[in-house]
C-alpha atoms as a PDB file:
ATOM      1  CA  MET A   1      -0.055  -0.037   0.199  1.00  0.00           C
ATOM      2  CA  ARG A   2       1.620   3.455  -0.671  1.00  0.00           C
ATOM      3  CA  VAL A   3       1.531   5.788   2.228  1.00  0.00           C
ATOM      4  CA  TYR A   4       0.868   9.707   1.536  1.00  0.00           C
ATOM      5  CA  ALA A   5       4.067  11.704   3.340  1.00  0.00           C
ATOM      6  CA  GLY A   6       5.793   8.966   4.558  1.00  0.00           C
ATOM      7  CA  VAL A   7       3.358   8.903   7.643  1.00  0.00           C
ATOM      8  CA  GLU A   8       2.619   6.011   9.901  1.00  0.00           C
ATOM      9  CA  GLU A   9       0.042   3.101   8.387  1.00  0.00           C
ATOM     10  CA  GLN A  10      -2.401   4.242  11.388  1.00  0.00           C
ATOM     11  CA  TYR A  11      -2.942   7.404   9.104  1.00  0.00           C
ATOM     12  CA  SER A  12      -2.744   5.974   5.884  1.00  0.00           C
ATOM     13  CA  GLN A  13      -5.595   3.111   6.295  1.00  0.00           C
ATOM     14  CA  TYR A  14      -9.147   3.389   4.593  1.00  0.00           C
ATOM     15  CA  GLU A  15     -10.768   2.850   8.122  1.00  0.00           C
ATOM     16  CA  ASN A  16      -8.659   5.812  10.183  1.00  0.00           C
ATOM     17  CA  ALA A  17      -8.588   8.579   6.599  1.00  0.00           C
ATOM     18  CA  ALA A  18     -10.992  11.681   6.728  1.00  0.00           C
ATOM     19  CA  ILE A  19      -9.300  12.180   3.123  1.00  0.00           C
ATOM     20  CA  LEU A  20      -9.027  10.192   0.143  1.00  0.00           C
ATOM     21  CA  LEU A  21      -6.298  10.966  -2.668  1.00  0.00           C
ATOM     22  CA  GLN A  22      -7.498   9.722  -5.714  1.00  0.00           C
ATOM     23  CA  SER A  23      -5.153   9.964  -8.571  1.00  0.00           C
ATOM     24  CA  ILE A  24      -5.830   9.936 -12.881  1.00  0.00           C
ATOM     25  CA  PRO A  25      -2.795   9.763 -14.486  1.00  0.00           C
ATOM     26  CA  TYR A  26      -4.043  11.037 -17.723  1.00  0.00           C
ATOM     27  CA  ASP A  27      -1.908  12.636 -20.388  1.00  0.00           C
ATOM     28  CA  GLY A  28      -4.013  11.722 -23.877  1.00  0.00           C
ATOM     29  CA  THR A  29      -4.982  15.032 -24.994  1.00  0.00           C
ATOM     30  CA  SER A  30      -2.487  17.595 -24.000  1.00  0.00           C
ATOM     31  CA  THR A  31      -0.975  18.764 -27.142  1.00  0.00           C
ATOM     32  CA  TRP A  32       2.273  20.639 -26.646  1.00  0.00           C
ATOM     33  CA  GLY A  33       4.396  19.582 -23.099  1.00  0.00           C
ATOM     34  CA  LYS A  34       3.907  15.942 -22.021  1.00  0.00           C
ATOM     35  CA  GLY A  35       4.590  14.039 -18.776  1.00  0.00           C
ATOM     36  CA  ALA A  36       1.751  15.472 -16.619  1.00  0.00           C
ATOM     37  CA  ASP A  37       1.120  11.355 -16.566  1.00  0.00           C
ATOM     38  CA  ASN A  38       4.092  11.260 -14.285  1.00  0.00           C
ATOM     39  CA  GLY A  39       2.688  13.645 -11.706  1.00  0.00           C
ATOM     40  CA  PHE A  40       1.147  11.890  -9.059  1.00  0.00           C
ATOM     41  CA  ASP A  41       4.550   9.481  -9.014  1.00  0.00           C
ATOM     42  CA  ALA A  42       6.751  12.955  -8.163  1.00  0.00           C
ATOM     43  CA  PHE A  43       4.198  13.981  -5.779  1.00  0.00           C
ATOM     44  CA  LEU A  44       4.520  11.781  -3.823  1.00  0.00           C
ATOM     45  CA  GLU A  45       7.801  11.668  -3.900  1.00  0.00           C
ATOM     46  CA  ALA A  46       8.152  15.143  -3.112  1.00  0.00           C
ATOM     47  CA  SER A  47       5.544  15.007   0.134  1.00  0.00           C
ATOM     48  CA  ASP A  48       7.592  12.045   1.388  1.00  0.00           C
ATOM     49  CA  ASN A  49      10.627  14.935   2.227  1.00  0.00           C
ATOM     50  CA  MET A  50       8.150  17.721   3.224  1.00  0.00           C
ATOM     51  CA  GLU A  51       7.916  18.333   6.670  1.00  0.00           C
ATOM     52  CA  ILE A  52       4.542  17.668   7.984  1.00  0.00           C
ATOM     53  CA  TYR A  53       4.018  20.434  10.400  1.00  0.00           C
ATOM     54  CA  ASP A  54       2.395  23.254   9.104  1.00  0.00           C
ATOM     55  CA  ILE A  55       3.530  26.613  10.503  1.00  0.00           C
ATOM     56  CA  GLU A  56       0.788  29.132   9.362  1.00  0.00           C
ATOM     57  CA  THR A  57      -2.002  26.701  11.111  1.00  0.00           C
ATOM     58  CA  ASP A  58      -0.212  25.296  13.962  1.00  0.00           C
ATOM     59  CA  SER A  59      -1.592  22.147  12.580  1.00  0.00           C
ATOM     60  CA  GLU A  60      -0.353  18.176  11.461  1.00  0.00           C
ATOM     61  CA  VAL A  61      -3.124  17.582   9.327  1.00  0.00           C
ATOM     62  CA  TYR A  62      -2.092  14.322   8.091  1.00  0.00           C
ATOM     63  CA  LYS A  63      -3.347  13.600  11.720  1.00  0.00           C
ATOM     64  CA  LYS A  64      -7.182  13.326   9.712  1.00  0.00           C
ATOM     65  CA  GLY A  65      -5.762  10.586   7.583  1.00  0.00           C
ATOM     66  CA  VAL A  66      -5.187  10.473   3.941  1.00  0.00           C
ATOM     67  CA  HIS A  67      -5.768   7.353   2.087  1.00  0.00           C
ATOM     68  CA  ILE A  68      -4.264   6.768  -1.587  1.00  0.00           C
ATOM     69  CA  LEU A  69      -6.828   5.106  -3.867  1.00  0.00           C
ATOM     70  CA  PRO A  70      -5.591   2.314  -6.889  1.00  0.00           C
ATOM     71  CA  ALA A  71      -5.415   5.183  -9.748  1.00  0.00           C
ATOM     72  CA  ILE A  72      -7.806   5.616 -12.671  1.00  0.00           C
ATOM     73  CA  ASN A  73      -5.980   4.139 -15.715  1.00  0.00           C
ATOM     74  CA  GLU A  74      -8.109   4.616 -18.039  1.00  0.00           C
ATOM     75  CA  ASN A  75      -6.676   5.788 -21.182  1.00  0.00           C
ATOM     76  CA  GLU A  76      -8.212   4.180 -24.450  1.00  0.00           C
ATOM     77  CA  SER A  77      -9.589   7.307 -25.481  1.00  0.00           C
ATOM     78  CA  SER A  78     -10.995  10.490 -23.135  1.00  0.00           C
ATOM     79  CA  THR A  79     -13.989   9.462 -23.778  1.00  0.00           C
ATOM     80  CA  ALA A  80     -13.835   6.598 -22.124  1.00  0.00           C
ATOM     81  CA  MET A  81     -11.507   8.476 -19.307  1.00  0.00           C
ATOM     82  CA  PHE A  82     -13.895  10.607 -18.795  1.00  0.00           C
ATOM     83  CA  GLU A  83     -16.729   7.916 -18.052  1.00  0.00           C
ATOM     84  CA  ALA A  84     -14.190   6.231 -16.029  1.00  0.00           C
ATOM     85  CA  VAL A  85     -13.659   9.302 -14.084  1.00  0.00           C
ATOM     86  CA  TYR A  86     -17.079  10.357 -13.262  1.00  0.00           C
ATOM     87  CA  ALA A  87     -18.850   6.492 -12.154  1.00  0.00           C
ATOM     88  CA  LYS A  88     -15.650   6.415  -9.713  1.00  0.00           C
ATOM     89  CA  THR A  89     -16.303  10.027  -8.209  1.00  0.00           C
ATOM     90  CA  LYS A  90     -20.199   9.114  -8.169  1.00  0.00           C
ATOM     91  CA  GLU A  91     -19.009   6.042  -6.187  1.00  0.00           C
ATOM     92  CA  LEU A  92     -16.560   7.795  -3.844  1.00  0.00           C
ATOM     93  CA  LEU A  93     -19.252  10.543  -2.932  1.00  0.00           C
ATOM     94  CA  LYS A  94     -21.542   7.935  -1.408  1.00  0.00           C
ATOM     95  CA  THR A  95     -18.333   7.466   1.217  1.00  0.00           C
ATOM     96  CA  GLY A  96     -18.704  10.537   3.426  1.00  0.00           C
ATOM     97  CA  LYS A  97     -14.933  11.096   2.941  1.00  0.00           C
ATOM     98  CA  TYR A  98     -13.223  14.060   1.805  1.00  0.00           C
ATOM     99  CA  LEU A  99     -12.158  13.760  -1.833  1.00  0.00           C
ATOM    100  CA  THR A 100      -9.242  15.303  -3.395  1.00  0.00           C
ATOM    101  CA  PHE A 101      -8.099  14.151  -7.224  1.00  0.00           C
ATOM    102  CA  PHE A 102      -4.460  14.257  -8.821  1.00  0.00           C
ATOM    103  CA  GLY A 103      -3.904  14.326 -12.625  1.00  0.00           C
ATOM    104  CA  GLY A 104      -2.878  14.046 -15.089  1.00  0.00           C
ATOM    105  CA  GLU A 105      -3.942  17.103 -17.317  1.00  0.00           C
ATOM    106  CA  HIS A 106      -6.935  19.252 -17.089  1.00  0.00           C
ATOM    107  CA  SER A 107      -9.280  17.127 -18.952  1.00  0.00           C
ATOM    108  CA  VAL A 108      -9.443  14.775 -15.778  1.00  0.00           C
ATOM    109  CA  SER A 109     -11.445  17.499 -13.932  1.00  0.00           C
ATOM    110  CA  ILE A 110     -14.851  17.259 -16.594  1.00  0.00           C
ATOM    111  CA  GLY A 111     -16.151  14.006 -14.743  1.00  0.00           C
ATOM    112  CA  VAL A 112     -15.232  14.892 -11.589  1.00  0.00           C
ATOM    113  CA  ILE A 113     -16.929  18.208 -11.715  1.00  0.00           C
ATOM    114  CA  LYS A 114     -19.910  16.382 -13.236  1.00  0.00           C
ATOM    115  CA  ALA A 115     -20.084  14.084 -10.740  1.00  0.00           C
ATOM    116  CA  PHE A 116     -19.911  17.062  -7.857  1.00  0.00           C
ATOM    117  CA  TYR A 117     -22.092  19.645  -9.104  1.00  0.00           C
ATOM    118  CA  GLU A 118     -24.906  16.472  -9.445  1.00  0.00           C
ATOM    119  CA  LYS A 119     -24.843  15.760  -5.966  1.00  0.00           C
ATOM    120  CA  TYR A 120     -24.547  19.784  -4.481  1.00  0.00           C
ATOM    121  CA  GLU A 121     -27.203  22.157  -6.161  1.00  0.00           C
ATOM    122  CA  ASN A 122     -25.942  25.513  -6.738  1.00  0.00           C
ATOM    123  CA  LEU A 123     -22.033  24.279  -6.737  1.00  0.00           C
ATOM    124  CA  THR A 124     -19.493  27.101  -7.131  1.00  0.00           C
ATOM    125  CA  VAL A 125     -16.394  25.932  -9.235  1.00  0.00           C
ATOM    126  CA  LEU A 126     -13.349  28.071  -8.321  1.00  0.00           C
ATOM    127  CA  HIS A 127     -10.991  27.589 -11.503  1.00  0.00           C
ATOM    128  CA  LEU A 128      -7.395  28.658 -11.339  1.00  0.00           C
ATOM    129  CA  ASP A 129      -5.677  28.319 -14.591  1.00  0.00           C
ATOM    130  CA  ALA A 130      -3.717  30.401 -16.881  1.00  0.00           C
ATOM    131  CA  HIS A 131      -5.855  29.317 -19.520  1.00  0.00           C
ATOM    132  CA  ALA A 132      -9.674  29.914 -20.016  1.00  0.00           C
ATOM    133  CA  ASP A 133     -10.759  26.102 -20.816  1.00  0.00           C
ATOM    134  CA  LEU A 134     -14.120  26.781 -22.299  1.00  0.00           C
ATOM    135  CA  ARG A 135     -13.984  25.347 -25.501  1.00  0.00           C
ATOM    136  CA  ALA A 136     -17.307  22.917 -26.368  1.00  0.00           C
ATOM    137  CA  SER A 137     -15.121  20.653 -28.416  1.00  0.00           C
ATOM    138  CA  TYR A 138     -11.498  20.365 -29.291  1.00  0.00           C
ATOM    139  CA  MET A 139     -10.282  18.637 -31.953  1.00  0.00           C
ATOM    140  CA  GLY A 140     -12.617  16.258 -31.974  1.00  0.00           C
ATOM    141  CA  SER A 141     -13.594  16.234 -28.576  1.00  0.00           C
ATOM    142  CA  PRO A 142     -15.445  17.229 -25.815  1.00  0.00           C
ATOM    143  CA  TYR A 143     -13.274  15.894 -23.214  1.00  0.00           C
ATOM    144  CA  ASN A 144     -10.355  17.328 -24.605  1.00  0.00           C
ATOM    145  CA  HIS A 145      -8.000  19.556 -21.620  1.00  0.00           C
ATOM    146  CA  ALA A 146      -9.005  22.428 -23.639  1.00  0.00           C
ATOM    147  CA  CYS A 147     -12.360  22.039 -22.496  1.00  0.00           C
ATOM    148  CA  ALA A 148     -12.165  21.539 -19.096  1.00  0.00           C
ATOM    149  CA  LEU A 149     -14.264  23.628 -17.990  1.00  0.00           C
ATOM    150  CA  HIS A 150     -16.679  24.034 -20.953  1.00  0.00           C
ATOM    151  CA  ASP A 151     -19.682  21.875 -18.968  1.00  0.00           C
ATOM    152  CA  ALA A 152     -18.851  23.477 -15.443  1.00  0.00           C
ATOM    153  CA  SER A 153     -19.297  27.245 -17.481  1.00  0.00           C
ATOM    154  CA  GLN A 154     -23.205  25.516 -18.531  1.00  0.00           C
ATOM    155  CA  ASN A 155     -23.926  24.050 -15.516  1.00  0.00           C
ATOM    156  CA  THR A 156     -22.055  25.601 -12.487  1.00  0.00           C
ATOM    157  CA  ASN A 157     -21.509  28.979 -10.812  1.00  0.00           C
ATOM    158  CA  LEU A 158     -17.740  29.516 -12.324  1.00  0.00           C
ATOM    159  CA  ILE A 159     -15.642  31.262 -10.965  1.00  0.00           C
ATOM    160  CA  GLN A 160     -12.023  32.231 -12.834  1.00  0.00           C
ATOM    161  CA  VAL A 161      -8.591  33.198 -11.263  1.00  0.00           C
ATOM    162  CA  GLY A 162      -5.582  33.911 -13.205  1.00  0.00           C
ATOM    163  CA  ILE A 163      -6.151  33.640 -16.618  1.00  0.00           C
ATOM    164  CA  ARG A 164      -3.989  35.024 -19.397  1.00  0.00           C
ATOM    165  CA  SER A 165      -4.362  32.747 -22.735  1.00  0.00           C
ATOM    166  CA  MET A 166      -7.309  31.972 -24.167  1.00  0.00           C
ATOM    167  CA  ASP A 167      -8.958  31.324 -28.145  1.00  0.00           C
ATOM    168  CA  ALA A 168     -11.400  34.244 -29.408  1.00  0.00           C
ATOM    169  CA  CYS A 169     -13.931  31.312 -29.356  1.00  0.00           C
ATOM    170  CA  GLU A 170     -14.122  30.661 -26.029  1.00  0.00           C
ATOM    171  CA  LYS A 171     -15.385  34.669 -25.676  1.00  0.00           C
ATOM    172  CA  GLN A 172     -18.757  33.603 -25.548  1.00  0.00           C
ATOM    173  CA  TYR A 173     -18.541  31.022 -22.707  1.00  0.00           C
ATOM    174  CA  LEU A 174     -17.063  33.817 -20.654  1.00  0.00           C
ATOM    175  CA  ASN A 175     -18.412  35.548 -17.783  1.00  0.00           C
ATOM    176  CA  LYS A 176     -16.483  38.934 -17.820  1.00  0.00           C
ATOM    177  CA  ASP A 177     -18.140  39.838 -14.822  1.00  0.00           C
ATOM    178  CA  LYS A 178     -16.726  36.344 -12.773  1.00  0.00           C
ATOM    179  CA  CYS A 179     -13.224  35.758 -14.646  1.00  0.00           C
ATOM    180  CA  PHE A 180     -10.524  38.291 -12.615  1.00  0.00           C
ATOM    181  CA  PHE A 181      -7.399  38.243 -15.264  1.00  0.00           C
ATOM    182  CA  THR A 182      -3.824  38.379 -13.885  1.00  0.00           C
ATOM    183  CA  HIS A 183      -3.246  41.476 -15.901  1.00  0.00           C
ATOM    184  CA  GLU A 184      -6.150  43.040 -14.322  1.00  0.00           C
ATOM    185  CA  ILE A 185      -5.240  41.566 -10.316  1.00  0.00           C
ATOM    186  CA  TYR A 186      -1.643  41.831  -9.984  1.00  0.00           C
ATOM    187  CA  GLY A 187      -0.177  43.846  -7.366  1.00  0.00           C
ATOM    188  CA  SER A 188      -3.267  43.797  -5.689  1.00  0.00           C
ATOM    189  CA  THR A 189      -5.889  41.812  -3.100  1.00  0.00           C
ATOM    190  CA  ASP A 190      -9.293  44.266  -3.324  1.00  0.00           C
ATOM    191  CA  TRP A 191     -10.262  41.410  -5.824  1.00  0.00           C
ATOM    192  CA  HIS A 192     -10.733  38.427  -2.671  1.00  0.00           C
ATOM    193  CA  GLU A 193     -13.750  39.598  -1.328  1.00  0.00           C
ATOM    194  CA  LYS A 194     -15.430  40.121  -4.466  1.00  0.00           C
ATOM    195  CA  ALA A 195     -14.223  36.780  -5.608  1.00  0.00           C
ATOM    196  CA  ILE A 196     -15.450  35.519  -2.572  1.00  0.00           C
ATOM    197  CA  SER A 197     -18.927  37.343  -2.922  1.00  0.00           C
ATOM    198  CA  LEU A 198     -19.902  36.057  -6.147  1.00  0.00           C
ATOM    199  CA  MET A 199     -19.189  32.614  -4.762  1.00  0.00           C
ATOM    200  CA  THR A 200     -22.000  29.594  -3.533  1.00  0.00           C
ATOM    201  CA  ASP A 201     -21.860  28.393  -0.263  1.00  0.00           C
ATOM    202  CA  ASN A 202     -20.336  24.935  -1.913  1.00  0.00           C
ATOM    203  CA  VAL A 203     -17.051  25.277  -3.798  1.00  0.00           C
ATOM    204  CA  TYR A 204     -15.017  22.954  -5.841  1.00  0.00           C
ATOM    205  CA  LEU A 205     -12.004  24.105  -6.533  1.00  0.00           C
ATOM    206  CA  THR A 206     -10.084  23.255  -9.332  1.00  0.00           C
ATOM    207  CA  ILE A 207      -6.241  24.139  -9.833  1.00  0.00           C
ATOM    208  CA  ASP A 208      -3.962  23.909 -13.247  1.00  0.00           C
ATOM    209  CA  LEU A 209      -0.734  24.480 -11.731  1.00  0.00           C
ATOM    210  CA  ASP A 210       0.407  26.723 -14.616  1.00  0.00           C
ATOM    211  CA  ALA A 211      -2.445  29.286 -13.302  1.00  0.00           C
ATOM    212  CA  PHE A 212       1.139  29.999 -11.248  1.00  0.00           C
ATOM    213  CA  ASP A 213       3.949  32.353 -12.779  1.00  0.00           C
ATOM    214  CA  PRO A 214       6.500  30.029 -14.430  1.00  0.00           C
ATOM    215  CA  SER A 215       9.339  31.299 -12.407  1.00  0.00           C
ATOM    216  CA  ILE A 216       8.068  29.296  -9.617  1.00  0.00           C
ATOM    217  CA  MET A 217       6.070  26.556 -11.522  1.00  0.00           C
ATOM    218  CA  PRO A 218       7.839  25.655 -15.048  1.00  0.00           C
ATOM    219  CA  ALA A 219       6.694  22.137 -14.599  1.00  0.00           C
ATOM    220  CA  THR A 220       3.829  21.971 -16.629  1.00  0.00           C
ATOM    221  CA  GLY A 221       2.965  21.422 -20.210  1.00  0.00           C
ATOM    222  CA  THR A 222       1.839  24.994 -21.680  1.00  0.00           C
ATOM    223  CA  PRO A 223       3.442  27.659 -19.040  1.00  0.00           C
ATOM    224  CA  GLU A 224       2.384  30.943 -19.485  1.00  0.00           C
ATOM    225  CA  PRO A 225       4.073  34.271 -18.079  1.00  0.00           C
ATOM    226  CA  GLY A 226       2.376  37.020 -16.492  1.00  0.00           C
ATOM    227  CA  GLY A 227       1.090  34.194 -13.374  1.00  0.00           C
ATOM    228  CA  LEU A 228       0.380  34.033 -10.005  1.00  0.00           C
ATOM    229  CA  ASP A 229       2.958  34.083  -7.086  1.00  0.00           C
ATOM    230  CA  TRP A 230       2.833  31.766  -3.762  1.00  0.00           C
ATOM    231  CA  ASN A 231       1.592  33.791  -1.336  1.00  0.00           C
ATOM    232  CA  SER A 232      -0.867  36.347  -2.510  1.00  0.00           C
ATOM    233  CA  THR A 233      -2.254  32.925  -3.890  1.00  0.00           C
ATOM    234  CA  LEU A 234      -2.376  30.947  -0.614  1.00  0.00           C
ATOM    235  CA  ARG A 235      -3.641  34.241   1.103  1.00  0.00           C
ATOM    236  CA  PHE A 236      -6.892  34.500  -1.176  1.00  0.00           C
ATOM    237  CA  LEU A 237      -7.067  30.230  -0.922  1.00  0.00           C
ATOM    238  CA  ARG A 238      -7.331  30.543   2.677  1.00  0.00           C
ATOM    239  CA  LYS A 239      -9.799  33.352   2.455  1.00  0.00           C
ATOM    240  CA  VAL A 240     -11.804  30.734   0.514  1.00  0.00           C
ATOM    241  CA  PHE A 241     -11.731  28.087   3.169  1.00  0.00           C
ATOM    242  CA  GLU A 242     -12.327  30.584   5.616  1.00  0.00           C
ATOM    243  CA  GLN A 243     -15.524  31.353   4.384  1.00  0.00           C
ATOM    244  CA  LYS A 244     -17.019  29.074   2.484  1.00  0.00           C
ATOM    245  CA  ASN A 245     -17.509  25.161   2.191  1.00  0.00           C
ATOM    246  CA  VAL A 246     -14.730  23.638  -0.303  1.00  0.00           C
ATOM    247  CA  ILE A 247     -16.435  20.612  -0.779  1.00  0.00           C
ATOM    248  CA  GLY A 248     -13.338  19.195  -2.849  1.00  0.00           C
ATOM    249  CA  PHE A 249     -10.145  20.214  -5.123  1.00  0.00           C
ATOM    250  CA  ASP A 250      -7.957  19.005  -8.031  1.00  0.00           C
ATOM    251  CA  ILE A 251      -4.704  19.567  -9.074  1.00  0.00           C
ATOM    252  CA  VAL A 252      -3.538  19.115 -12.300  1.00  0.00           C
ATOM    253  CA  GLU A 253      -1.232  19.593 -14.973  1.00  0.00           C
ATOM    254  CA  LEU A 254       2.204  18.647 -13.061  1.00  0.00           C
ATOM    255  CA  ALA A 255       4.874  17.450 -15.871  1.00  0.00           C
ATOM    256  CA  PRO A 256       7.932  16.810 -13.233  1.00  0.00           C
ATOM    257  CA  MET A 257      11.251  17.945 -14.689  1.00  0.00           C
ATOM    258  CA  LYS A 258      14.129  15.859 -14.325  1.00  0.00           C
ATOM    259  CA  ASP A 259      16.638  18.652 -13.093  1.00  0.00           C
ATOM    260  CA  ASN A 260      14.489  20.850 -11.066  1.00  0.00           C
ATOM    261  CA  LYS A 261      12.427  19.498  -8.005  1.00  0.00           C
ATOM    262  CA  ALA A 262      11.224  22.677  -6.697  1.00  0.00           C
ATOM    263  CA  PRO A 263       8.198  23.304  -8.412  1.00  0.00           C
ATOM    264  CA  THR A 264       7.154  19.579  -7.951  1.00  0.00           C
ATOM    265  CA  PHE A 265       8.419  20.053  -4.239  1.00  0.00           C
ATOM    266  CA  LEU A 266       5.735  23.425  -4.456  1.00  0.00           C
ATOM    267  CA  VAL A 267       2.729  21.311  -5.237  1.00  0.00           C
ATOM    268  CA  ALA A 268       3.152  19.122  -2.426  1.00  0.00           C
ATOM    269  CA  LYS A 269       3.081  21.986  -0.407  1.00  0.00           C
ATOM    270  CA  LEU A 270      -0.010  23.143  -2.007  1.00  0.00           C
ATOM    271  CA  TYR A 271      -1.726  19.740  -1.721  1.00  0.00           C
ATOM    272  CA  TYR A 272      -0.609  20.187   2.040  1.00  0.00           C
ATOM    273  CA  LYS A 273      -1.978  23.685   2.276  1.00  0.00           C
ATOM    274  CA  LEU A 274      -5.348  22.803   1.221  1.00  0.00           C
ATOM    275  CA  LEU A 275      -5.918  20.256   3.318  1.00  0.00           C
ATOM    276  CA  SER A 276      -4.440  22.411   6.234  1.00  0.00           C
ATOM    277  CA  TYR A 277      -6.403  25.162   5.533  1.00  0.00           C
ATOM    278  CA  LYS A 278      -9.751  22.849   5.110  1.00  0.00           C
ATOM    279  CA  PHE A 279      -9.341  20.817   8.315  1.00  0.00           C
ATOM    280  CA  CYS A 280      -7.046  23.311  11.021  1.00  0.00           C
ATOM    281  CA  LEU A 281      -8.577  26.750  10.249  1.00  0.00           C
END
């Protein structure tokens, strides 16, 4: 059995775990840099080398228990992957445990989000990303990474943060009042409360790691300049967790770099921070 962050076995067993960690190492539709299918293993290795006392929250959230589930390895097609993820998420939502997901590329989130919005009425999806990902279809499929938030835009209260790259065809699906472009929020925190005020009570969080600036997160398939920084992003996310019920989250698009472990370690810290905000504030 794989163990999260090298913790004692008692904190990794399913029966004792409040948190489930589901990996979906699919990288079938990425169109430039590949490697997101290797992200989860690199994330686990970094987590094994991370301090598991969190200074900010004065906590050790791992004691809530984190159980790693068998990976969803369906990769015959993007449609088959979507169907497998959607079905598995519906099943996991019946467990009553806190669900977290790790990609893979961003197309893995489509099935997860669909299962969540079918369970939670009037759901907000908070989307951190460099890219709008609002295409209805791309390269012949609605389950492409470029379409990751299209279904959410039609069926949830979608709030987008960090966007700085999109195609003109996506403008018809973009709600400008609920999109916080990086060039508009740079150097400011005034937008934090505005964004949170637009959210409903229940929030699902999806983070494409290219939301962060490539100076700190180069290990993605499509890095975009002008991204979010670490501390400001955490300040915002902490406020979201404090004021809203974040019912689950996913982290996607880690394409680990052989000669630079720093971005992978950032991801390990990010995952742990989100758990700390959820359970220890």
